[in-house]
Amino acid sequence: FTAIIVTIVAALWGSSRVMVSGPTTAISAVMFASLSTLAVPGSEA
């Protein structure tokens, strides 16, 4: 879903003509590191 919605909006309002946005490894890793201590990964919370 991130590779669909985020990609479209970033393409429309961004500045680069060829950059493609969406999910990335680094941000995914920070998300997990930040949230895994607050809730069980994959859970509704």
PDB file of all heavy atoms in Angstrom:
ATOM      1  N   PHE A   1       0.832  -1.202   0.000  1.00  0.00           N
ATOM      2  CA  PHE A   1       0.000   0.000   0.000  1.00  0.00           C
ATOM      3  C   PHE A   1       0.871   1.258   0.000  1.00  0.00           C
ATOM      4  O   PHE A   1       0.561   2.248  -0.669  1.00  0.00           O
ATOM      5  CB  PHE A   1      -0.919   0.017   1.232  1.00  0.00           C
ATOM      6  CG  PHE A   1      -1.896  -1.131   1.288  1.00  0.00           C
ATOM      7  CD1 PHE A   1      -2.509  -1.485   2.489  1.00  0.00           C
ATOM      8  CD2 PHE A   1      -2.213  -1.869   0.151  1.00  0.00           C
ATOM      9  CE1 PHE A   1      -3.410  -2.533   2.550  1.00  0.00           C
ATOM     10  CE2 PHE A   1      -3.111  -2.934   0.204  1.00  0.00           C
ATOM     11  CZ  PHE A   1      -3.713  -3.261   1.416  1.00  0.00           C
ATOM     12  N   THR A   2       1.977   1.207   0.738  1.00  0.00           N
ATOM     13  CA  THR A   2       2.914   2.341   0.777  1.00  0.00           C
ATOM     14  C   THR A   2       3.514   2.585  -0.596  1.00  0.00           C
ATOM     15  O   THR A   2       3.715   3.733  -1.012  1.00  0.00           O
ATOM     16  CB  THR A   2       4.036   2.063   1.805  1.00  0.00           C
ATOM     17  OG1 THR A   2       3.448   1.821   3.079  1.00  0.00           O
ATOM     18  CG2 THR A   2       5.004   3.234   1.900  1.00  0.00           C
ATOM     19  N   ALA A   3       3.791   1.497  -1.323  1.00  0.00           N
ATOM     20  CA  ALA A   3       4.378   1.610  -2.665  1.00  0.00           C
ATOM     21  C   ALA A   3       3.372   2.121  -3.690  1.00  0.00           C
ATOM     22  O   ALA A   3       3.758   2.428  -4.824  1.00  0.00           O
ATOM     23  CB  ALA A   3       4.924   0.253  -3.104  1.00  0.00           C
ATOM     24  N   ILE A   4       2.109   2.213  -3.303  1.00  0.00           N
ATOM     25  CA  ILE A   4       1.087   2.757  -4.208  1.00  0.00           C
ATOM     26  C   ILE A   4       0.760   4.204  -3.839  1.00  0.00           C
ATOM     27  O   ILE A   4       0.978   5.135  -4.620  1.00  0.00           O
ATOM     28  CB  ILE A   4      -0.197   1.898  -4.166  1.00  0.00           C
ATOM     29  CG1 ILE A   4       0.081   0.483  -4.692  1.00  0.00           C
ATOM     30  CG2 ILE A   4      -1.306   2.550  -4.999  1.00  0.00           C
ATOM     31  CD1 ILE A   4      -1.064  -0.486  -4.524  1.00  0.00           C
ATOM     32  N   ILE A   5       0.240   4.414  -2.628  1.00  0.00           N
ATOM     33  CA  ILE A   5      -0.239   5.742  -2.221  1.00  0.00           C
ATOM     34  C   ILE A   5       0.914   6.731  -2.048  1.00  0.00           C
ATOM     35  O   ILE A   5       0.904   7.830  -2.628  1.00  0.00           O
ATOM     36  CB  ILE A   5      -1.047   5.641  -0.904  1.00  0.00           C
ATOM     37  CG1 ILE A   5      -2.209   4.647  -1.061  1.00  0.00           C
ATOM     38  CG2 ILE A   5      -1.544   7.018  -0.487  1.00  0.00           C
ATOM     39  CD1 ILE A   5      -3.229   5.024  -2.106  1.00  0.00           C
ATOM     40  N   VAL A   6       1.905   6.369  -1.251  1.00  0.00           N
ATOM     41  CA  VAL A   6       3.029   7.277  -0.989  1.00  0.00           C
ATOM     42  C   VAL A   6       3.756   7.613  -2.283  1.00  0.00           C
ATOM     43  O   VAL A   6       4.170   8.761  -2.505  1.00  0.00           O
ATOM     44  CB  VAL A   6       3.992   6.642   0.046  1.00  0.00           C
ATOM     45  CG1 VAL A   6       5.299   7.422   0.138  1.00  0.00           C
ATOM     46  CG2 VAL A   6       3.325   6.575   1.416  1.00  0.00           C
ATOM     47  N   THR A   7       3.909   6.627  -3.148  1.00  0.00           N
ATOM     48  CA  THR A   7       4.607   6.847  -4.414  1.00  0.00           C
ATOM     49  C   THR A   7       3.899   7.885  -5.276  1.00  0.00           C
ATOM     50  O   THR A   7       4.529   8.787  -5.844  1.00  0.00           O
ATOM     51  CB  THR A   7       4.725   5.517  -5.186  1.00  0.00           C
ATOM     52  OG1 THR A   7       5.467   4.593  -4.395  1.00  0.00           O
ATOM     53  CG2 THR A   7       5.414   5.712  -6.523  1.00  0.00           C
ATOM     54  N   ILE A   8       2.580   7.771  -5.376  1.00  0.00           N
ATOM     55  CA  ILE A   8       1.806   8.692  -6.219  1.00  0.00           C
ATOM     56  C   ILE A   8       1.882  10.118  -5.693  1.00  0.00           C
ATOM     57  O   ILE A   8       2.163  11.070  -6.436  1.00  0.00           O
ATOM     58  CB  ILE A   8       0.336   8.230  -6.318  1.00  0.00           C
ATOM     59  CG1 ILE A   8       0.239   6.919  -7.116  1.00  0.00           C
ATOM     60  CG2 ILE A   8      -0.529   9.304  -6.967  1.00  0.00           C
ATOM     61  CD1 ILE A   8      -1.144   6.302  -7.136  1.00  0.00           C
ATOM     62  N   VAL A   9       1.631  10.296  -4.394  1.00  0.00           N
ATOM     63  CA  VAL A   9       1.600  11.646  -3.812  1.00  0.00           C
ATOM     64  C   VAL A   9       2.988  12.290  -3.866  1.00  0.00           C
ATOM     65  O   VAL A   9       3.125  13.472  -4.216  1.00  0.00           O
ATOM     66  CB  VAL A   9       1.078  11.598  -2.362  1.00  0.00           C
ATOM     67  CG1 VAL A   9       1.109  12.991  -1.742  1.00  0.00           C
ATOM     68  CG2 VAL A   9      -0.339  11.031  -2.322  1.00  0.00           C
ATOM     69  N   ALA A  10       4.032  11.528  -3.541  1.00  0.00           N
ATOM     70  CA  ALA A  10       5.399  12.069  -3.577  1.00  0.00           C
ATOM     71  C   ALA A  10       5.803  12.453  -4.996  1.00  0.00           C
ATOM     72  O   ALA A  10       6.514  13.443  -5.207  1.00  0.00           O
ATOM     73  CB  ALA A  10       6.383  11.057  -3.003  1.00  0.00           C
ATOM     74  N   ALA A  11       5.352  11.668  -5.984  1.00  0.00           N
ATOM     75  CA  ALA A  11       5.664  11.983  -7.384  1.00  0.00           C
ATOM     76  C   ALA A  11       4.990  13.288  -7.812  1.00  0.00           C
ATOM     77  O   ALA A  11       5.591  14.123  -8.502  1.00  0.00           O
ATOM     78  CB  ALA A  11       5.225  10.837  -8.281  1.00  0.00           C
ATOM     79  N   LEU A  12       3.750  13.493  -7.384  1.00  0.00           N
ATOM     80  CA  LEU A  12       2.996  14.676  -7.790  1.00  0.00           C
ATOM     81  C   LEU A  12       3.538  15.957  -7.150  1.00  0.00           C
ATOM     82  O   LEU A  12       3.622  16.991  -7.801  1.00  0.00           O
ATOM     83  CB  LEU A  12       1.520  14.507  -7.425  1.00  0.00           C
ATOM     84  CG  LEU A  12       0.681  13.626  -8.365  1.00  0.00           C
ATOM     85  CD1 LEU A  12      -0.700  13.366  -7.771  1.00  0.00           C
ATOM     86  CD2 LEU A  12       0.540  14.301  -9.730  1.00  0.00           C
ATOM     87  N   TRP A  13       3.902  15.892  -5.866  1.00  0.00           N
ATOM     88  CA  TRP A  13       4.299  17.116  -5.164  1.00  0.00           C
ATOM     89  C   TRP A  13       5.805  17.247  -4.942  1.00  0.00           C
ATOM     90  O   TRP A  13       6.256  18.258  -4.425  1.00  0.00           O
ATOM     91  CB  TRP A  13       3.563  17.199  -3.820  1.00  0.00           C
ATOM     92  CG  TRP A  13       2.218  17.842  -3.940  1.00  0.00           C
ATOM     93  CD1 TRP A  13       1.951  19.180  -3.901  1.00  0.00           C
ATOM     94  CD2 TRP A  13       0.965  17.185  -4.130  1.00  0.00           C
ATOM     95  NE1 TRP A  13       0.608  19.400  -4.059  1.00  0.00           N
ATOM     96  CE2 TRP A  13      -0.032  18.185  -4.194  1.00  0.00           C
ATOM     97  CE3 TRP A  13       0.573  15.857  -4.247  1.00  0.00           C
ATOM     98  CZ2 TRP A  13      -1.373  17.896  -4.363  1.00  0.00           C
ATOM     99  CZ3 TRP A  13      -0.763  15.567  -4.422  1.00  0.00           C
ATOM    100  CH2 TRP A  13      -1.723  16.568  -4.478  1.00  0.00           C
ATOM    101  N   GLY A  14       6.581  16.240  -5.318  1.00  0.00           N
ATOM    102  CA  GLY A  14       8.031  16.319  -5.128  1.00  0.00           C
ATOM    103  C   GLY A  14       8.700  17.176  -6.180  1.00  0.00           C
ATOM    104  O   GLY A  14       8.047  17.753  -7.053  1.00  0.00           O
ATOM    105  N   SER A  15      10.029  17.250  -6.101  1.00  0.00           N
ATOM    106  CA  SER A  15      10.784  18.101  -7.025  1.00  0.00           C
ATOM    107  C   SER A  15      11.535  17.308  -8.086  1.00  0.00           C
ATOM    108  O   SER A  15      11.784  17.821  -9.172  1.00  0.00           O
ATOM    109  CB  SER A  15      11.777  18.960  -6.234  1.00  0.00           C
ATOM    110  OG  SER A  15      12.552  19.756  -7.079  1.00  0.00           O
ATOM    111  N   SER A  16      11.918  16.066  -7.753  1.00  0.00           N
ATOM    112  CA  SER A  16      12.716  15.273  -8.692  1.00  0.00           C
ATOM    113  C   SER A  16      11.848  14.694  -9.806  1.00  0.00           C
ATOM    114  O   SER A  16      10.710  14.287  -9.579  1.00  0.00           O
ATOM    115  CB  SER A  16      13.404  14.128  -7.940  1.00  0.00           C
ATOM    116  OG  SER A  16      14.086  13.290  -8.846  1.00  0.00           O
ATOM    117  N   ARG A  17      12.423  14.629 -10.996  1.00  0.00           N
ATOM    118  CA  ARG A  17      11.695  14.077 -12.143  1.00  0.00           C
ATOM    119  C   ARG A  17      11.785  12.561 -12.229  1.00  0.00           C
ATOM    120  O   ARG A  17      10.962  11.931 -12.889  1.00  0.00           O
ATOM    121  CB  ARG A  17      12.219  14.690 -13.449  1.00  0.00           C
ATOM    122  CG  ARG A  17      11.707  16.102 -13.688  1.00  0.00           C
ATOM    123  CD  ARG A  17      12.217  16.677 -14.990  1.00  0.00           C
ATOM    124  NE  ARG A  17      11.502  17.884 -15.343  1.00  0.00           N
ATOM    125  CZ  ARG A  17      10.453  17.948 -16.142  1.00  0.00           C
ATOM    126  NH1 ARG A  17       9.972  16.839 -16.680  1.00  0.00           N
ATOM    127  NH2 ARG A  17       9.857  19.093 -16.418  1.00  0.00           N
ATOM    128  N   VAL A  18      12.793  11.973 -11.596  1.00  0.00           N
ATOM    129  CA  VAL A  18      12.954  10.515 -11.745  1.00  0.00           C
ATOM    130  C   VAL A  18      12.967   9.757 -10.417  1.00  0.00           C
ATOM    131  O   VAL A  18      12.915   8.535 -10.417  1.00  0.00           O
ATOM    132  CB  VAL A  18      14.251  10.173 -12.517  1.00  0.00           C
ATOM    133  CG1 VAL A  18      14.185  10.678 -13.940  1.00  0.00           C
ATOM    134  CG2 VAL A  18      15.473  10.724 -11.812  1.00  0.00           C
ATOM    135  N   MET A  19      13.032  10.466  -9.303  1.00  0.00           N
ATOM    136  CA  MET A  19      13.070   9.750  -8.021  1.00  0.00           C
ATOM    137  C   MET A  19      11.743   9.069  -7.742  1.00  0.00           C
ATOM    138  O   MET A  19      10.674   9.644  -7.962  1.00  0.00           O
ATOM    139  CB  MET A  19      13.398  10.701  -6.877  1.00  0.00           C
ATOM    140  CG  MET A  19      13.617   9.972  -5.550  1.00  0.00           C
ATOM    141  SD  MET A  19      14.090  11.080  -4.213  1.00  0.00           S
ATOM    142  CE  MET A  19      12.496  11.835  -3.851  1.00  0.00           C
ATOM    143  N   VAL A  20      11.824   7.832  -7.266  1.00  0.00           N
ATOM    144  CA  VAL A  20      10.639   7.054  -6.910  1.00  0.00           C
ATOM    145  C   VAL A  20      10.625   6.871  -5.398  1.00  0.00           C
ATOM    146  O   VAL A  20      11.600   6.409  -4.809  1.00  0.00           O
ATOM    147  CB  VAL A  20      10.641   5.674  -7.605  1.00  0.00           C
ATOM    148  CG1 VAL A  20       9.393   4.894  -7.222  1.00  0.00           C
ATOM    149  CG2 VAL A  20      10.731   5.844  -9.117  1.00  0.00           C
ATOM    150  N   SER A  21       9.537   7.268  -4.765  1.00  0.00           N
ATOM    151  CA  SER A  21       9.402   7.129  -3.321  1.00  0.00           C
ATOM    152  C   SER A  21       8.571   5.895  -2.986  1.00  0.00           C
ATOM    153  O   SER A  21       7.921   5.308  -3.844  1.00  0.00           O
ATOM    154  CB  SER A  21       8.762   8.379  -2.716  1.00  0.00           C
ATOM    155  OG  SER A  21       9.608   9.495  -2.883  1.00  0.00           O
ATOM    156  N   GLY A  22       8.581   5.535  -1.715  1.00  0.00           N
ATOM    157  CA  GLY A  22       7.841   4.364  -1.246  1.00  0.00           C
ATOM    158  C   GLY A  22       8.522   3.795  -0.021  1.00  0.00           C
ATOM    159  O   GLY A  22       9.298   4.483   0.651  1.00  0.00           O
ATOM    160  N   PRO A  23       8.266   2.531   0.296  1.00  0.00           N
ATOM    161  CA  PRO A  23       8.922   1.923   1.456  1.00  0.00           C
ATOM    162  C   PRO A  23      10.424   1.785   1.218  1.00  0.00           C
ATOM    163  O   PRO A  23      10.851   1.491   0.108  1.00  0.00           O
ATOM    164  CB  PRO A  23       8.246   0.554   1.563  1.00  0.00           C
ATOM    165  CG  PRO A  23       7.777   0.261   0.170  1.00  0.00           C
ATOM    166  CD  PRO A  23       7.401   1.573  -0.434  1.00  0.00           C
ATOM    167  N   THR A  24      11.225   2.031   2.247  1.00  0.00           N
ATOM    168  CA  THR A  24      12.675   1.877   2.131  1.00  0.00           C
ATOM    169  C   THR A  24      13.198   1.056   3.305  1.00  0.00           C
ATOM    170  O   THR A  24      12.567   0.975   4.355  1.00  0.00           O
ATOM    171  CB  THR A  24      13.408   3.232   2.116  1.00  0.00           C
ATOM    172  OG1 THR A  24      13.314   3.832   3.409  1.00  0.00           O
ATOM    173  CG2 THR A  24      12.828   4.166   1.072  1.00  0.00           C
ATOM    174  N   THR A  25      14.374   0.475   3.104  1.00  0.00           N
ATOM    175  CA  THR A  25      14.967  -0.380   4.124  1.00  0.00           C
ATOM    176  C   THR A  25      15.267   0.394   5.401  1.00  0.00           C
ATOM    177  O   THR A  25      14.952  -0.050   6.503  1.00  0.00           O
ATOM    178  CB  THR A  25      16.287  -0.985   3.609  1.00  0.00           C
ATOM    179  OG1 THR A  25      16.147  -1.292   2.228  1.00  0.00           O
ATOM    180  CG2 THR A  25      16.654  -2.224   4.366  1.00  0.00           C
ATOM    181  N   ALA A  26      15.907   1.549   5.258  1.00  0.00           N
ATOM    182  CA  ALA A  26      16.359   2.308   6.426  1.00  0.00           C
ATOM    183  C   ALA A  26      15.185   2.745   7.291  1.00  0.00           C
ATOM    184  O   ALA A  26      15.201   2.575   8.520  1.00  0.00           O
ATOM    185  CB  ALA A  26      17.167   3.518   5.973  1.00  0.00           C
ATOM    186  N   ILE A  27      14.157   3.304   6.669  1.00  0.00           N
ATOM    187  CA  ILE A  27      13.004   3.770   7.439  1.00  0.00           C
ATOM    188  C   ILE A  27      12.269   2.588   8.064  1.00  0.00           C
ATOM    189  O   ILE A  27      11.794   2.672   9.198  1.00  0.00           O
ATOM    190  CB  ILE A  27      12.069   4.605   6.547  1.00  0.00           C
ATOM    191  CG1 ILE A  27      12.724   5.964   6.285  1.00  0.00           C
ATOM    192  CG2 ILE A  27      10.714   4.788   7.192  1.00  0.00           C
ATOM    193  CD1 ILE A  27      11.884   6.920   5.509  1.00  0.00           C
ATOM    194  N   SER A  28      12.184   1.488   7.338  1.00  0.00           N
ATOM    195  CA  SER A  28      11.538   0.288   7.892  1.00  0.00           C
ATOM    196  C   SER A  28      12.265  -0.168   9.154  1.00  0.00           C
ATOM    197  O   SER A  28      11.637  -0.545  10.153  1.00  0.00           O
ATOM    198  CB  SER A  28      11.535  -0.838   6.846  1.00  0.00           C
ATOM    199  OG  SER A  28      10.833  -0.448   5.684  1.00  0.00           O
ATOM    200  N   ALA A  29      13.592  -0.124   9.106  1.00  0.00           N
ATOM    201  CA  ALA A  29      14.389  -0.545  10.265  1.00  0.00           C
ATOM    202  C   ALA A  29      14.182   0.393  11.452  1.00  0.00           C
ATOM    203  O   ALA A  29      14.065  -0.057  12.598  1.00  0.00           O
ATOM    204  CB  ALA A  29      15.866  -0.591   9.875  1.00  0.00           C
ATOM    205  N   VAL A  30      14.116   1.710  11.195  1.00  0.00           N
ATOM    206  CA  VAL A  30      13.889   2.666  12.281  1.00  0.00           C
ATOM    207  C   VAL A  30      12.485   2.493  12.853  1.00  0.00           C
ATOM    208  O   VAL A  30      12.286   2.585  14.079  1.00  0.00           O
ATOM    209  CB  VAL A  30      14.087   4.115  11.784  1.00  0.00           C
ATOM    210  CG1 VAL A  30      13.820   5.103  12.909  1.00  0.00           C
ATOM    211  CG2 VAL A  30      15.488   4.314  11.265  1.00  0.00           C
ATOM    212  N   MET A  31      11.507   2.246  11.986  1.00  0.00           N
ATOM    213  CA  MET A  31      10.135   2.008  12.450  1.00  0.00           C
ATOM    214  C   MET A  31      10.104   0.826  13.420  1.00  0.00           C
ATOM    215  O   MET A  31       9.522   0.920  14.509  1.00  0.00           O
ATOM    216  CB  MET A  31       9.214   1.713  11.256  1.00  0.00           C
ATOM    217  CG  MET A  31       8.954   2.879  10.344  1.00  0.00           C
ATOM    218  SD  MET A  31       7.663   3.998  10.911  1.00  0.00           S
ATOM    219  CE  MET A  31       6.204   3.005  10.680  1.00  0.00           C
ATOM    220  N   PHE A  32      10.743  -0.256  13.032  1.00  0.00           N
ATOM    221  CA  PHE A  32      10.740  -1.448  13.888  1.00  0.00           C
ATOM    222  C   PHE A  32      11.464  -1.172  15.203  1.00  0.00           C
ATOM    223  O   PHE A  32      10.985  -1.522  16.281  1.00  0.00           O
ATOM    224  CB  PHE A  32      11.397  -2.623  13.163  1.00  0.00           C
ATOM    225  CG  PHE A  32      11.420  -3.886  13.973  1.00  0.00           C
ATOM    226  CD1 PHE A  32      10.302  -4.710  14.028  1.00  0.00           C
ATOM    227  CD2 PHE A  32      12.549  -4.244  14.706  1.00  0.00           C
ATOM    228  CE1 PHE A  32      10.316  -5.870  14.785  1.00  0.00           C
ATOM    229  CE2 PHE A  32      12.577  -5.390  15.468  1.00  0.00           C
ATOM    230  CZ  PHE A  32      11.451  -6.212  15.509  1.00  0.00           C
ATOM    231  N   ALA A  33      12.625  -0.526  15.127  1.00  0.00           N
ATOM    232  CA  ALA A  33      13.401  -0.233  16.337  1.00  0.00           C
ATOM    233  C   ALA A  33      12.630   0.678  17.287  1.00  0.00           C
ATOM    234  O   ALA A  33      12.725   0.536  18.510  1.00  0.00           O
ATOM    235  CB  ALA A  33      14.726   0.413  15.950  1.00  0.00           C
ATOM    236  N   SER A  34      11.836   1.592  16.730  1.00  0.00           N
ATOM    237  CA  SER A  34      11.109   2.560  17.545  1.00  0.00           C
ATOM    238  C   SER A  34       9.845   1.979  18.170  1.00  0.00           C
ATOM    239  O   SER A  34       9.478   2.343  19.295  1.00  0.00           O
ATOM    240  CB  SER A  34      10.728   3.783  16.700  1.00  0.00           C
ATOM    241  OG  SER A  34      11.861   4.370  16.113  1.00  0.00           O
ATOM    242  N   LEU A  35       9.173   1.086  17.449  1.00  0.00           N
ATOM    243  CA  LEU A  35       7.853   0.625  17.884  1.00  0.00           C
ATOM    244  C   LEU A  35       7.852  -0.746  18.550  1.00  0.00           C
ATOM    245  O   LEU A  35       6.917  -1.069  19.290  1.00  0.00           O
ATOM    246  CB  LEU A  35       6.886   0.594  16.684  1.00  0.00           C
ATOM    247  CG  LEU A  35       6.652   1.930  15.964  1.00  0.00           C
ATOM    248  CD1 LEU A  35       5.719   1.731  14.781  1.00  0.00           C
ATOM    249  CD2 LEU A  35       6.075   2.959  16.932  1.00  0.00           C
ATOM    250  N   SER A  36       8.881  -1.556  18.293  1.00  0.00           N
ATOM    251  CA  SER A  36       8.866  -2.938  18.809  1.00  0.00           C
ATOM    252  C   SER A  36       8.939  -2.998  20.327  1.00  0.00           C
ATOM    253  O   SER A  36       8.570  -4.011  20.923  1.00  0.00           O
ATOM    254  CB  SER A  36      10.024  -3.738  18.202  1.00  0.00           C
ATOM    255  OG  SER A  36      11.265  -3.112  18.485  1.00  0.00           O
ATOM    256  N   THR A  37       9.399  -1.908  20.960  1.00  0.00           N
ATOM    257  CA  THR A  37       9.429  -1.882  22.433  1.00  0.00           C
ATOM    258  C   THR A  37       8.101  -1.411  23.020  1.00  0.00           C
ATOM    259  O   THR A  37       7.883  -1.514  24.233  1.00  0.00           O
ATOM    260  CB  THR A  37      10.539  -0.940  22.926  1.00  0.00           C
ATOM    261  OG1 THR A  37      10.329   0.371  22.377  1.00  0.00           O
ATOM    262  CG2 THR A  37      11.913  -1.447  22.488  1.00  0.00           C
ATOM    263  N   LEU A  38       7.205  -0.903  22.159  1.00  0.00           N
ATOM    264  CA  LEU A  38       5.919  -0.379  22.624  1.00  0.00           C
ATOM    265  C   LEU A  38       4.762  -1.336  22.400  1.00  0.00           C
ATOM    266  O   LEU A  38       3.739  -1.269  23.097  1.00  0.00           O
ATOM    267  CB  LEU A  38       5.612   0.952  21.920  1.00  0.00           C
ATOM    268  CG  LEU A  38       6.661   2.064  22.063  1.00  0.00           C
ATOM    269  CD1 LEU A  38       6.260   3.272  21.240  1.00  0.00           C
ATOM    270  CD2 LEU A  38       6.818   2.446  23.533  1.00  0.00           C
ATOM    271  N   ALA A  39       4.898  -2.233  21.425  1.00  0.00           N
ATOM    272  CA  ALA A  39       3.827  -3.185  21.114  1.00  0.00           C
ATOM    273  C   ALA A  39       4.413  -4.378  20.378  1.00  0.00           C
ATOM    274  O   ALA A  39       5.534  -4.313  19.860  1.00  0.00           O
ATOM    275  CB  ALA A  39       2.744  -2.514  20.263  1.00  0.00           C
ATOM    276  N   VAL A  40       3.668  -5.471  20.326  1.00  0.00           N
ATOM    277  CA  VAL A  40       4.124  -6.674  19.636  1.00  0.00           C
ATOM    278  C   VAL A  40       4.064  -6.440  18.133  1.00  0.00           C
ATOM    279  O   VAL A  40       3.000  -6.073  17.609  1.00  0.00           O
ATOM    280  CB  VAL A  40       3.246  -7.885  20.013  1.00  0.00           C
ATOM    281  CG1 VAL A  40       3.680  -9.134  19.234  1.00  0.00           C
ATOM    282  CG2 VAL A  40       3.306  -8.144  21.511  1.00  0.00           C
ATOM    283  N   PRO A  41       5.196  -6.594  17.406  1.00  0.00           N
ATOM    284  CA  PRO A  41       5.185  -6.382  15.953  1.00  0.00           C
ATOM    285  C   PRO A  41       4.088  -7.196  15.264  1.00  0.00           C
ATOM    286  O   PRO A  41       3.899  -8.376  15.563  1.00  0.00           O
ATOM    287  CB  PRO A  41       6.574  -6.857  15.517  1.00  0.00           C
ATOM    288  CG  PRO A  41       7.429  -6.629  16.722  1.00  0.00           C
ATOM    289  CD  PRO A  41       6.534  -6.936  17.896  1.00  0.00           C
ATOM    290  N   GLY A  42       3.355  -6.553  14.362  1.00  0.00           N
ATOM    291  CA  GLY A  42       2.289  -7.221  13.626  1.00  0.00           C
ATOM    292  C   GLY A  42       0.940  -7.178  14.303  1.00  0.00           C
ATOM    293  O   GLY A  42      -0.086  -7.469  13.673  1.00  0.00           O
ATOM    294  N   SER A  43       0.899  -6.797  15.583  1.00  0.00           N
ATOM    295  CA  SER A  43      -0.377  -6.755  16.318  1.00  0.00           C
ATOM    296  C   SER A  43      -1.165  -5.509  15.931  1.00  0.00           C
ATOM    297  O   SER A  43      -0.629  -4.570  15.332  1.00  0.00           O
ATOM    298  CB  SER A  43      -0.117  -6.754  17.823  1.00  0.00           C
ATOM    299  OG  SER A  43       0.573  -5.566  18.212  1.00  0.00           O
ATOM    300  N   GLU A  44      -2.442  -5.481  16.297  1.00  0.00           N
ATOM    301  CA  GLU A  44      -3.289  -4.329  15.989  1.00  0.00           C
ATOM    302  C   GLU A  44      -2.760  -3.066  16.663  1.00  0.00           C
ATOM    303  O   GLU A  44      -2.782  -1.976  16.077  1.00  0.00           O
ATOM    304  CB  GLU A  44      -4.733  -4.606  16.428  1.00  0.00           C
ATOM    305  CG  GLU A  44      -5.456  -5.636  15.562  1.00  0.00           C
ATOM    306  CD  GLU A  44      -6.923  -5.757  15.938  1.00  0.00           C
ATOM    307  OE1 GLU A  44      -7.424  -4.905  16.691  1.00  0.00           O
ATOM    308  OE2 GLU A  44      -7.573  -6.711  15.465  1.00  0.00           O
ATOM    309  N   ALA A  45      -2.283  -3.221  17.892  1.00  0.00           N
ATOM    310  CA  ALA A  45      -1.734  -2.064  18.606  1.00  0.00           C
ATOM    311  C   ALA A  45      -0.488  -1.532  17.894  1.00  0.00           C
ATOM    312  O   ALA A  45      -0.291  -0.312  17.778  1.00  0.00           O
ATOM    313  CB  ALA A  45      -1.390  -2.454  20.045  1.00  0.00           C
TER     314      ALA A  45
END
